[in-house]
């Protein structure tokens, strides 16, 4: 991995699988260390085997009322913190234009 690979921006799309409310986004990662004598893979996902790494929760300022099939679109951007390279500066933006609620953050 190169230093510049640590900063990234990725679009995302989430489709509601049922009528419900969205209070937060839960973010996790899967990783593979493939340049080892024995490749290592693990996930921090909620259904994966336990590791000391955890998911991250981004609470929303406004609860979203979702109808099945409605879509939330956004972007997650991450970069190393300038003062502490072990910290990350993360920005999550999203847009939602639903029947019961709308949001842009």
PDB file of N, CA and C in Angstrom:
ATOM      1  N   UNK A   1       0.846  -1.178   0.000  1.00  0.00           N
ATOM      2  CA  UNK A   1       0.000   0.000   0.000  1.00  0.00           C
ATOM      3  C   UNK A   1       0.885   1.232   0.000  1.00  0.00           C
ATOM      4  N   UNK A   2       0.532   2.180  -0.833  1.00  0.00           N
ATOM      5  CA  UNK A   2       1.240   3.452  -0.870  1.00  0.00           C
ATOM      6  C   UNK A   2       0.538   4.446   0.052  1.00  0.00           C
ATOM      7  N   UNK A   3       1.288   5.418   0.527  1.00  0.00           N
ATOM      8  CA  UNK A   3       0.734   6.415   1.450  1.00  0.00           C
ATOM      9  C   UNK A   3      -0.515   7.089   0.874  1.00  0.00           C
ATOM     10  N   UNK A   4      -0.479   7.408  -0.417  1.00  0.00           N
ATOM     11  CA  UNK A   4      -1.622   8.093  -1.027  1.00  0.00           C
ATOM     12  C   UNK A   4      -2.868   7.198  -1.132  1.00  0.00           C
ATOM     13  N   UNK A   5      -2.693   5.888  -1.004  1.00  0.00           N
ATOM     14  CA  UNK A   5      -3.844   4.978  -1.016  1.00  0.00           C
ATOM     15  C   UNK A   5      -4.675   5.078   0.262  1.00  0.00           C
ATOM     16  N   UNK A   6      -4.119   5.678   1.298  1.00  0.00           N
ATOM     17  CA  UNK A   6      -4.824   5.787   2.582  1.00  0.00           C
ATOM     18  C   UNK A   6      -5.959   6.811   2.526  1.00  0.00           C
ATOM     19  N   UNK A   7      -5.922   7.694   1.547  1.00  0.00           N
ATOM     20  CA  UNK A   7      -6.998   8.673   1.367  1.00  0.00           C
ATOM     21  C   UNK A   7      -7.873   8.215   0.204  1.00  0.00           C
ATOM     22  N   UNK A   8      -9.183   8.190   0.429  1.00  0.00           N
ATOM     23  CA  UNK A   8     -10.081   7.745  -0.636  1.00  0.00           C
ATOM     24  C   UNK A   8     -11.457   8.368  -0.458  1.00  0.00           C
ATOM     25  N   UNK A   9     -12.222   8.292  -1.518  1.00  0.00           N
ATOM     26  CA  UNK A   9     -13.608   8.720  -1.510  1.00  0.00           C
ATOM     27  C   UNK A   9     -14.391   7.678  -2.296  1.00  0.00           C
ATOM     28  N   UNK A  10     -15.499   7.200  -1.730  1.00  0.00           N
ATOM     29  CA  UNK A  10     -16.272   6.141  -2.375  1.00  0.00           C
ATOM     30  C   UNK A  10     -17.763   6.463  -2.328  1.00  0.00           C
ATOM     31  N   UNK A  11     -18.426   6.428  -3.483  1.00  0.00           N
ATOM     32  CA  UNK A  11     -19.875   6.623  -3.485  1.00  0.00           C
ATOM     33  C   UNK A  11     -20.574   5.373  -2.961  1.00  0.00           C
ATOM     34  N   UNK A  12     -21.782   5.562  -2.411  1.00  0.00           N
ATOM     35  CA  UNK A  12     -22.566   4.411  -1.969  1.00  0.00           C
ATOM     36  C   UNK A  12     -24.040   4.641  -2.275  1.00  0.00           C
ATOM     37  N   UNK A  13     -24.761   3.549  -2.394  1.00  0.00           N
ATOM     38  CA  UNK A  13     -26.202   3.552  -2.593  1.00  0.00           C
ATOM     39  C   UNK A  13     -26.801   2.514  -1.661  1.00  0.00           C
ATOM     40  N   UNK A  14     -27.803   2.907  -0.886  1.00  0.00           N
ATOM     41  CA  UNK A  14     -28.498   1.993   0.020  1.00  0.00           C
ATOM     42  C   UNK A  14     -29.975   1.981  -0.356  1.00  0.00           C
ATOM     43  N   UNK A  15     -30.525   0.791  -0.559  1.00  0.00           N
ATOM     44  CA  UNK A  15     -31.931   0.641  -0.916  1.00  0.00           C
ATOM     45  C   UNK A  15     -32.678   0.022   0.261  1.00  0.00           C
ATOM     46  N   UNK A  16     -33.762   0.667   0.676  1.00  0.00           N
ATOM     47  CA  UNK A  16     -34.549   0.169   1.810  1.00  0.00           C
ATOM     48  C   UNK A  16     -35.193  -1.169   1.451  1.00  0.00           C
ATOM     49  N   UNK A  17     -34.984  -2.164   2.296  1.00  0.00           N
ATOM     50  CA  UNK A  17     -35.561  -3.492   2.059  1.00  0.00           C
ATOM     51  C   UNK A  17     -36.950  -3.631   2.694  1.00  0.00           C
ATOM     52  N   UNK A  18     -37.352  -2.615   3.468  1.00  0.00           N
ATOM     53  CA  UNK A  18     -38.682  -2.615   4.092  1.00  0.00           C
ATOM     54  C   UNK A  18     -39.002  -1.183   4.535  1.00  0.00           C
ATOM     55  N   UNK A  19     -40.244  -0.920   4.862  1.00  0.00           N
ATOM     56  CA  UNK A  19     -40.624   0.368   5.449  1.00  0.00           C
ATOM     57  C   UNK A  19     -40.022   0.418   6.850  1.00  0.00           C
ATOM     58  N   UNK A  20     -39.268   1.481   7.145  1.00  0.00           N
ATOM     59  CA  UNK A  20     -38.636   1.572   8.465  1.00  0.00           C
ATOM     60  C   UNK A  20     -38.042   2.960   8.641  1.00  0.00           C
ATOM     61  N   UNK A  21     -37.357   3.149   9.756  1.00  0.00           N
ATOM     62  CA  UNK A  21     -36.688   4.410  10.062  1.00  0.00           C
ATOM     63  C   UNK A  21     -35.185   4.185  10.088  1.00  0.00           C
ATOM     64  N   UNK A  22     -34.437   5.173   9.586  1.00  0.00           N
ATOM     65  CA  UNK A  22     -32.975   5.105   9.597  1.00  0.00           C
ATOM     66  C   UNK A  22     -32.464   6.189  10.540  1.00  0.00           C
ATOM     67  N   UNK A  23     -31.779   5.773  11.597  1.00  0.00           N
ATOM     68  CA  UNK A  23     -31.232   6.693  12.595  1.00  0.00           C
ATOM     69  C   UNK A  23     -29.735   6.916  12.415  1.00  0.00           C
ATOM     70  N   UNK A  24     -29.067   5.982  11.714  1.00  0.00           N
ATOM     71  CA  UNK A  24     -27.609   6.035  11.617  1.00  0.00           C
ATOM     72  C   UNK A  24     -27.128   5.149  10.478  1.00  0.00           C
ATOM     73  N   UNK A  25     -25.875   5.358  10.087  1.00  0.00           N
ATOM     74  CA  UNK A  25     -25.185   4.462   9.162  1.00  0.00           C
ATOM     75  C   UNK A  25     -24.146   3.696   9.966  1.00  0.00           C
ATOM     76  N   UNK A  26     -24.053   2.405   9.728  1.00  0.00           N
ATOM     77  CA  UNK A  26     -23.027   1.576  10.360  1.00  0.00           C
ATOM     78  C   UNK A  26     -22.005   1.229   9.280  1.00  0.00           C
ATOM     79  N   UNK A  27     -20.737   1.513   9.557  1.00  0.00           N
ATOM     80  CA  UNK A  27     -19.671   1.312   8.579  1.00  0.00           C
ATOM     81  C   UNK A  27     -18.684   0.283   9.108  1.00  0.00           C
ATOM     82  N   UNK A  28     -18.258  -0.620   8.227  1.00  0.00           N
ATOM     83  CA  UNK A  28     -17.258  -1.626   8.591  1.00  0.00           C
ATOM     84  C   UNK A  28     -16.387  -1.906   7.377  1.00  0.00           C
ATOM     85  N   UNK A  29     -15.334  -2.680   7.566  1.00  0.00           N
ATOM     86  CA  UNK A  29     -14.465  -2.999   6.435  1.00  0.00           C
ATOM     87  C   UNK A  29     -14.096  -4.475   6.423  1.00  0.00           C
ATOM     88  N   UNK A  30     -13.788  -4.942   5.224  1.00  0.00           N
ATOM     89  CA  UNK A  30     -13.216  -6.262   4.986  1.00  0.00           C
ATOM     90  C   UNK A  30     -11.820  -6.021   4.431  1.00  0.00           C
ATOM     91  N   UNK A  31     -10.873  -6.855   4.803  1.00  0.00           N
ATOM     92  CA  UNK A  31      -9.498  -6.651   4.358  1.00  0.00           C
ATOM     93  C   UNK A  31      -8.823  -7.980   4.053  1.00  0.00           C
ATOM     94  N   UNK A  32      -7.921  -7.944   3.072  1.00  0.00           N
ATOM     95  CA  UNK A  32      -7.116  -9.111   2.721  1.00  0.00           C
ATOM     96  C   UNK A  32      -5.660  -8.665   2.667  1.00  0.00           C
ATOM     97  N   UNK A  33      -4.809  -9.347   3.422  1.00  0.00           N
ATOM     98  CA  UNK A  33      -3.364  -9.165   3.324  1.00  0.00           C
ATOM     99  C   UNK A  33      -2.880 -10.305   2.439  1.00  0.00           C
ATOM    100  N   UNK A  34      -2.693 -10.016   1.147  1.00  0.00           N
ATOM    101  CA  UNK A  34      -2.422 -11.075   0.176  1.00  0.00           C
ATOM    102  C   UNK A  34      -0.948 -11.260  -0.154  1.00  0.00           C
ATOM    103  N   UNK A  35      -0.103 -10.341   0.242  1.00  0.00           N
ATOM    104  CA  UNK A  35       1.326 -10.448  -0.080  1.00  0.00           C
ATOM    105  C   UNK A  35       2.104 -11.109   1.050  1.00  0.00           C
ATOM    106  N   UNK A  36       1.496 -12.050   1.723  1.00  0.00           N
ATOM    107  CA  UNK A  36       2.128 -12.781   2.817  1.00  0.00           C
ATOM    108  C   UNK A  36       2.335 -14.223   2.368  1.00  0.00           C
ATOM    109  N   UNK A  37       3.129 -14.973   3.130  1.00  0.00           N
ATOM    110  CA  UNK A  37       3.292 -16.389   2.789  1.00  0.00           C
ATOM    111  C   UNK A  37       1.969 -17.129   2.941  1.00  0.00           C
ATOM    112  N   UNK A  38       1.107 -16.655   3.839  1.00  0.00           N
ATOM    113  CA  UNK A  38      -0.242 -17.206   3.996  1.00  0.00           C
ATOM    114  C   UNK A  38      -1.212 -16.020   4.036  1.00  0.00           C
ATOM    115  N   UNK A  39      -1.991 -15.811   2.958  1.00  0.00           N
ATOM    116  CA  UNK A  39      -2.908 -14.669   2.938  1.00  0.00           C
ATOM    117  C   UNK A  39      -3.847 -14.670   4.147  1.00  0.00           C
ATOM    118  N   UNK A  40      -4.117 -13.467   4.637  1.00  0.00           N
ATOM    119  CA  UNK A  40      -4.981 -13.291   5.804  1.00  0.00           C
ATOM    120  C   UNK A  40      -6.168 -12.431   5.390  1.00  0.00           C
ATOM    121  N   UNK A  41      -7.361 -12.858   5.765  1.00  0.00           N
ATOM    122  CA  UNK A  41      -8.582 -12.113   5.476  1.00  0.00           C
ATOM    123  C   UNK A  41      -9.397 -11.992   6.758  1.00  0.00           C
ATOM    124  N   UNK A  42      -9.921 -10.808   7.006  1.00  0.00           N
ATOM    125  CA  UNK A  42     -10.898 -10.684   8.084  1.00  0.00           C
ATOM    126  C   UNK A  42     -11.859  -9.540   7.783  1.00  0.00           C
ATOM    127  N   UNK A  43     -12.955  -9.543   8.504  1.00  0.00           N
ATOM    128  CA  UNK A  43     -14.000  -8.551   8.339  1.00  0.00           C
ATOM    129  C   UNK A  43     -14.363  -7.984   9.704  1.00  0.00           C
ATOM    130  N   UNK A  44     -14.741  -6.718   9.715  1.00  0.00           N
ATOM    131  CA  UNK A  44     -15.266  -6.120  10.940  1.00  0.00           C
ATOM    132  C   UNK A  44     -16.786  -6.035  10.870  1.00  0.00           C
ATOM    133  N   UNK A  45     -17.366  -6.712   9.897  1.00  0.00           N
ATOM    134  CA  UNK A  45     -18.813  -6.699   9.699  1.00  0.00           C
ATOM    135  C   UNK A  45     -19.570  -7.292  10.875  1.00  0.00           C
ATOM    136  N   UNK A  46     -20.821  -6.916  11.016  1.00  0.00           N
ATOM    137  CA  UNK A  46     -21.624  -7.364  12.161  1.00  0.00           C
ATOM    138  C   UNK A  46     -21.886  -8.871  12.187  1.00  0.00           C
ATOM    139  N   UNK A  47     -21.758  -9.555  11.057  1.00  0.00           N
ATOM    140  CA  UNK A  47     -21.995 -11.002  11.023  1.00  0.00           C
ATOM    141  C   UNK A  47     -20.702 -11.803  10.934  1.00  0.00           C
ATOM    142  N   UNK A  48     -19.570 -11.123  11.005  1.00  0.00           N
ATOM    143  CA  UNK A  48     -18.270 -11.787  10.880  1.00  0.00           C
ATOM    144  C   UNK A  48     -17.767 -12.264  12.240  1.00  0.00           C
ATOM    145  N   UNK A  49     -16.761 -13.113  12.195  1.00  0.00           N
ATOM    146  CA  UNK A  49     -16.118 -13.595  13.412  1.00  0.00           C
ATOM    147  C   UNK A  49     -15.540 -12.400  14.179  1.00  0.00           C
ATOM    148  N   UNK A  50     -15.613 -12.447  15.493  1.00  0.00           N
ATOM    149  CA  UNK A  50     -15.177 -11.347  16.356  1.00  0.00           C
ATOM    150  C   UNK A  50     -13.692 -11.022  16.158  1.00  0.00           C
ATOM    151  N   UNK A  51     -13.381  -9.738  16.083  1.00  0.00           N
ATOM    152  CA  UNK A  51     -12.001  -9.231  16.138  1.00  0.00           C
ATOM    153  C   UNK A  51     -12.012  -8.066  17.129  1.00  0.00           C
ATOM    154  N   UNK A  52     -10.833  -7.530  17.429  1.00  0.00           N
ATOM    155  CA  UNK A  52     -10.806  -6.367  18.326  1.00  0.00           C
ATOM    156  C   UNK A  52     -11.239  -5.091  17.601  1.00  0.00           C
ATOM    157  N   UNK A  53     -11.322  -5.145  16.267  1.00  0.00           N
ATOM    158  CA  UNK A  53     -11.822  -4.015  15.492  1.00  0.00           C
ATOM    159  C   UNK A  53     -13.338  -4.003  15.582  1.00  0.00           C
ATOM    160  N   UNK A  54     -13.930  -2.849  15.497  1.00  0.00           N
ATOM    161  CA  UNK A  54     -15.383  -2.706  15.621  1.00  0.00           C
ATOM    162  C   UNK A  54     -15.955  -1.939  14.430  1.00  0.00           C
ATOM    163  N   UNK A  55     -17.272  -1.923  14.349  1.00  0.00           N
ATOM    164  CA  UNK A  55     -17.950  -1.090  13.373  1.00  0.00           C
ATOM    165  C   UNK A  55     -17.935   0.354  13.889  1.00  0.00           C
ATOM    166  N   UNK A  56     -18.176   1.287  12.976  1.00  0.00           N
ATOM    167  CA  UNK A  56     -18.297   2.696  13.343  1.00  0.00           C
ATOM    168  C   UNK A  56     -19.724   3.134  13.034  1.00  0.00           C
ATOM    169  N   UNK A  57     -20.305   3.903  13.932  1.00  0.00           N
ATOM    170  CA  UNK A  57     -21.682   4.365  13.753  1.00  0.00           C
ATOM    171  C   UNK A  57     -21.683   5.872  13.514  1.00  0.00           C
ATOM    172  N   UNK A  58     -22.358   6.286  12.446  1.00  0.00           N
ATOM    173  CA  UNK A  58     -22.547   7.700  12.135  1.00  0.00           C
ATOM    174  C   UNK A  58     -24.028   8.016  12.348  1.00  0.00           C
ATOM    175  N   UNK A  59     -24.344   8.672  13.467  1.00  0.00           N
ATOM    176  CA  UNK A  59     -25.733   9.027  13.762  1.00  0.00           C
ATOM    177  C   UNK A  59     -26.170  10.192  12.874  1.00  0.00           C
ATOM    178  N   UNK A  60     -27.403  10.148  12.418  1.00  0.00           N
ATOM    179  CA  UNK A  60     -27.942  11.194  11.555  1.00  0.00           C
ATOM    180  C   UNK A  60     -28.549  12.315  12.391  1.00  0.00           C
ATOM    181  N   UNK A  61     -28.467  13.544  11.894  1.00  0.00           N
ATOM    182  CA  UNK A  61     -29.103  14.681  12.565  1.00  0.00           C
ATOM    183  C   UNK A  61     -30.622  14.565  12.499  1.00  0.00           C
ATOM    184  N   UNK A  62     -31.111  13.949  11.437  1.00  0.00           N
ATOM    185  CA  UNK A  62     -32.552  13.817  11.201  1.00  0.00           C
ATOM    186  C   UNK A  62     -32.859  12.348  10.914  1.00  0.00           C
ATOM    187  N   UNK A  63     -33.836  11.792  11.600  1.00  0.00           N
ATOM    188  CA  UNK A  63     -34.261  10.413  11.336  1.00  0.00           C
ATOM    189  C   UNK A  63     -34.950  10.372   9.974  1.00  0.00           C
ATOM    190  N   UNK A  64     -34.599   9.380   9.161  1.00  0.00           N
ATOM    191  CA  UNK A  64     -35.200   9.232   7.840  1.00  0.00           C
ATOM    192  C   UNK A  64     -36.316   8.196   7.891  1.00  0.00           C
ATOM    193  N   UNK A  65     -37.490   8.553   7.394  1.00  0.00           N
ATOM    194  CA  UNK A  65     -38.607   7.610   7.273  1.00  0.00           C
ATOM    195  C   UNK A  65     -38.530   7.006   5.874  1.00  0.00           C
ATOM    196  N   UNK A  66     -38.213   5.725   5.805  1.00  0.00           N
ATOM    197  CA  UNK A  66     -37.986   5.053   4.530  1.00  0.00           C
ATOM    198  C   UNK A  66     -39.161   4.165   4.152  1.00  0.00           C
ATOM    199  N   UNK A  67     -39.484   4.170   2.871  1.00  0.00           N
ATOM    200  CA  UNK A  67     -40.442   3.218   2.306  1.00  0.00           C
ATOM    201  C   UNK A  67     -39.625   2.186   1.522  1.00  0.00           C
ATOM    202  N   UNK A  68     -40.104   0.954   1.499  1.00  0.00           N
ATOM    203  CA  UNK A  68     -39.405  -0.116   0.789  1.00  0.00           C
ATOM    204  C   UNK A  68     -39.089   0.324  -0.644  1.00  0.00           C
ATOM    205  N   UNK A  69     -37.831   0.121  -1.052  1.00  0.00           N
ATOM    206  CA  UNK A  69     -37.395   0.468  -2.399  1.00  0.00           C
ATOM    207  C   UNK A  69     -36.794   1.851  -2.537  1.00  0.00           C
ATOM    208  N   UNK A  70     -37.000   2.735  -1.553  1.00  0.00           N
ATOM    209  CA  UNK A  70     -36.403   4.073  -1.635  1.00  0.00           C
ATOM    210  C   UNK A  70     -34.891   3.978  -1.449  1.00  0.00           C
ATOM    211  N   UNK A  71     -34.183   4.964  -2.014  1.00  0.00           N
ATOM    212  CA  UNK A  71     -32.724   4.894  -2.091  1.00  0.00           C
ATOM    213  C   UNK A  71     -32.075   6.086  -1.399  1.00  0.00           C
ATOM    214  N   UNK A  72     -31.050   5.798  -0.619  1.00  0.00           N
ATOM    215  CA  UNK A  72     -30.173   6.821  -0.039  1.00  0.00           C
ATOM    216  C   UNK A  72     -28.885   6.775  -0.849  1.00  0.00           C
ATOM    217  N   UNK A  73     -28.431   7.936  -1.318  1.00  0.00           N
ATOM    218  CA  UNK A  73     -27.177   8.007  -2.074  1.00  0.00           C
ATOM    219  C   UNK A  73     -26.210   8.916  -1.325  1.00  0.00           C
ATOM    220  N   UNK A  74     -24.940   8.539  -1.339  1.00  0.00           N
ATOM    221  CA  UNK A  74     -23.972   9.363  -0.645  1.00  0.00           C
ATOM    222  C   UNK A  74     -22.545   9.041  -1.012  1.00  0.00           C
ATOM    223  N   UNK A  75     -21.643   9.657  -0.275  1.00  0.00           N
ATOM    224  CA  UNK A  75     -20.209   9.460  -0.465  1.00  0.00           C
ATOM    225  C   UNK A  75     -19.538   9.400   0.898  1.00  0.00           C
ATOM    226  N   UNK A  76     -18.622   8.459   1.044  1.00  0.00           N
ATOM    227  CA  UNK A  76     -17.796   8.348   2.245  1.00  0.00           C
ATOM    228  C   UNK A  76     -16.370   8.691   1.841  1.00  0.00           C
ATOM    229  N   UNK A  77     -15.789   9.690   2.493  1.00  0.00           N
ATOM    230  CA  UNK A  77     -14.408  10.099   2.230  1.00  0.00           C
ATOM    231  C   UNK A  77     -13.590   9.916   3.496  1.00  0.00           C
ATOM    232  N   UNK A  78     -12.378   9.425   3.333  1.00  0.00           N
ATOM    233  CA  UNK A  78     -11.504   9.163   4.480  1.00  0.00           C
ATOM    234  C   UNK A  78     -10.073   9.541   4.127  1.00  0.00           C
ATOM    235  N   UNK A  79      -9.386  10.124   5.107  1.00  0.00           N
ATOM    236  CA  UNK A  79      -7.962  10.435   4.926  1.00  0.00           C
ATOM    237  C   UNK A  79      -7.285  10.411   6.289  1.00  0.00           C
ATOM    238  N   UNK A  80      -5.979  10.132   6.320  1.00  0.00           N
ATOM    239  CA  UNK A  80      -5.257  10.160   7.600  1.00  0.00           C
ATOM    240  C   UNK A  80      -5.273  11.571   8.185  1.00  0.00           C
ATOM    241  N   UNK A  81      -5.395  11.648   9.498  1.00  0.00           N
ATOM    242  CA  UNK A  81      -5.342  12.922  10.197  1.00  0.00           C
ATOM    243  C   UNK A  81      -3.929  13.490  10.082  1.00  0.00           C
ATOM    244  N   UNK A  82      -3.813  14.796   9.855  1.00  0.00           N
ATOM    245  CA  UNK A  82      -2.496  15.415   9.663  1.00  0.00           C
ATOM    246  C   UNK A  82      -1.635  15.382  10.919  1.00  0.00           C
ATOM    247  N   UNK A  83      -2.242  15.489  12.106  1.00  0.00           N
ATOM    248  CA  UNK A  83      -1.465  15.516  13.344  1.00  0.00           C
ATOM    249  C   UNK A  83      -1.181  14.128  13.892  1.00  0.00           C
ATOM    250  N   UNK A  84      -2.102  13.194  13.697  1.00  0.00           N
ATOM    251  CA  UNK A  84      -1.923  11.832  14.206  1.00  0.00           C
ATOM    252  C   UNK A  84      -2.238  10.848  13.083  1.00  0.00           C
ATOM    253  N   UNK A  85      -1.222  10.257  12.459  1.00  0.00           N
ATOM    254  CA  UNK A  85      -1.450   9.370  11.317  1.00  0.00           C
ATOM    255  C   UNK A  85      -2.223   8.095  11.654  1.00  0.00           C
ATOM    256  N   UNK A  86      -2.395   7.804  12.944  1.00  0.00           N
ATOM    257  CA  UNK A  86      -3.201   6.634  13.333  1.00  0.00           C
ATOM    258  C   UNK A  86      -4.695   6.968  13.386  1.00  0.00           C
ATOM    259  N   UNK A  87      -5.020   8.253  13.320  1.00  0.00           N
ATOM    260  CA  UNK A  87      -6.411   8.700  13.304  1.00  0.00           C
ATOM    261  C   UNK A  87      -6.860   8.932  11.863  1.00  0.00           C
ATOM    262  N   UNK A  88      -8.158   8.862  11.652  1.00  0.00           N
ATOM    263  CA  UNK A  88      -8.733   9.127  10.338  1.00  0.00           C
ATOM    264  C   UNK A  88      -9.706  10.294  10.420  1.00  0.00           C
ATOM    265  N   UNK A  89      -9.714  11.110   9.388  1.00  0.00           N
ATOM    266  CA  UNK A  89     -10.721  12.151   9.225  1.00  0.00           C
ATOM    267  C   UNK A  89     -11.719  11.614   8.203  1.00  0.00           C
ATOM    268  N   UNK A  90     -12.952  11.409   8.634  1.00  0.00           N
ATOM    269  CA  UNK A  90     -13.971  10.794   7.785  1.00  0.00           C
ATOM    270  C   UNK A  90     -15.117  11.776   7.585  1.00  0.00           C
ATOM    271  N   UNK A  91     -15.544  11.901   6.342  1.00  0.00           N
ATOM    272  CA  UNK A  91     -16.684  12.747   5.993  1.00  0.00           C
ATOM    273  C   UNK A  91     -17.695  11.871   5.265  1.00  0.00           C
ATOM    274  N   UNK A  92     -18.939  11.895   5.740  1.00  0.00           N
ATOM    275  CA  UNK A  92     -20.013  11.134   5.122  1.00  0.00           C
ATOM    276  C   UNK A  92     -21.095  12.116   4.696  1.00  0.00           C
ATOM    277  N   UNK A  93     -21.378  12.157   3.404  1.00  0.00           N
ATOM    278  CA  UNK A  93     -22.456  13.003   2.897  1.00  0.00           C
ATOM    279  C   UNK A  93     -23.515  12.101   2.270  1.00  0.00           C
ATOM    280  N   UNK A  94     -24.771  12.549   2.296  1.00  0.00           N
ATOM    281  CA  UNK A  94     -25.834  11.737   1.710  1.00  0.00           C
ATOM    282  C   UNK A  94     -27.010  12.607   1.294  1.00  0.00           C
ATOM    283  N   UNK A  95     -27.823  12.046   0.404  1.00  0.00           N
ATOM    284  CA  UNK A  95     -29.062  12.672  -0.040  1.00  0.00           C
ATOM    285  C   UNK A  95     -30.163  11.630  -0.017  1.00  0.00           C
ATOM    286  N   UNK A  96     -31.345  12.054   0.398  1.00  0.00           N
ATOM    287  CA  UNK A  96     -32.502  11.164   0.418  1.00  0.00           C
ATOM    288  C   UNK A  96     -33.734  11.971   0.059  1.00  0.00           C
ATOM    289  N   UNK A  97     -34.507  11.487  -0.908  1.00  0.00           N
ATOM    290  CA  UNK A  97     -35.730  12.159  -1.336  1.00  0.00           C
ATOM    291  C   UNK A  97     -36.855  11.131  -1.321  1.00  0.00           C
ATOM    292  N   UNK A  98     -37.394  10.894  -0.133  1.00  0.00           N
ATOM    293  CA  UNK A  98     -38.420   9.880   0.031  1.00  0.00           C
ATOM    294  C   UNK A  98     -39.821  10.454   0.062  1.00  0.00           C
ATOM    295  N   UNK A  99     -40.791   9.565   0.132  1.00  0.00           N
ATOM    296  CA  UNK A  99     -42.195   9.960   0.198  1.00  0.00           C
ATOM    297  C   UNK A  99     -42.490  10.662   1.522  1.00  0.00           C
ATOM    298  N   UNK A 100     -41.952  10.113   2.633  1.00  0.00           N
ATOM    299  CA  UNK A 100     -42.257  10.639   3.967  1.00  0.00           C
ATOM    300  C   UNK A 100     -41.228  11.632   4.498  1.00  0.00           C
ATOM    301  N   UNK A 101     -40.004  11.596   3.976  1.00  0.00           N
ATOM    302  CA  UNK A 101     -38.972  12.522   4.461  1.00  0.00           C
ATOM    303  C   UNK A 101     -37.923  12.748   3.382  1.00  0.00           C
ATOM    304  N   UNK A 102     -37.228  13.882   3.521  1.00  0.00           N
ATOM    305  CA  UNK A 102     -36.140  14.240   2.618  1.00  0.00           C
ATOM    306  C   UNK A 102     -34.983  14.743   3.470  1.00  0.00           C
ATOM    307  N   UNK A 103     -33.778  14.548   2.957  1.00  0.00           N
ATOM    308  CA  UNK A 103     -32.609  15.038   3.699  1.00  0.00           C
ATOM    309  C   UNK A 103     -31.431  15.186   2.758  1.00  0.00           C
ATOM    310  N   UNK A 104     -30.573  16.117   3.121  1.00  0.00           N
ATOM    311  CA  UNK A 104     -29.302  16.313   2.421  1.00  0.00           C
ATOM    312  C   UNK A 104     -28.311  16.756   3.477  1.00  0.00           C
ATOM    313  N   UNK A 105     -27.269  15.983   3.655  1.00  0.00           N
ATOM    314  CA  UNK A 105     -26.281  16.318   4.686  1.00  0.00           C
ATOM    315  C   UNK A 105     -24.892  15.962   4.205  1.00  0.00           C
TER     316      UNK A 105
END
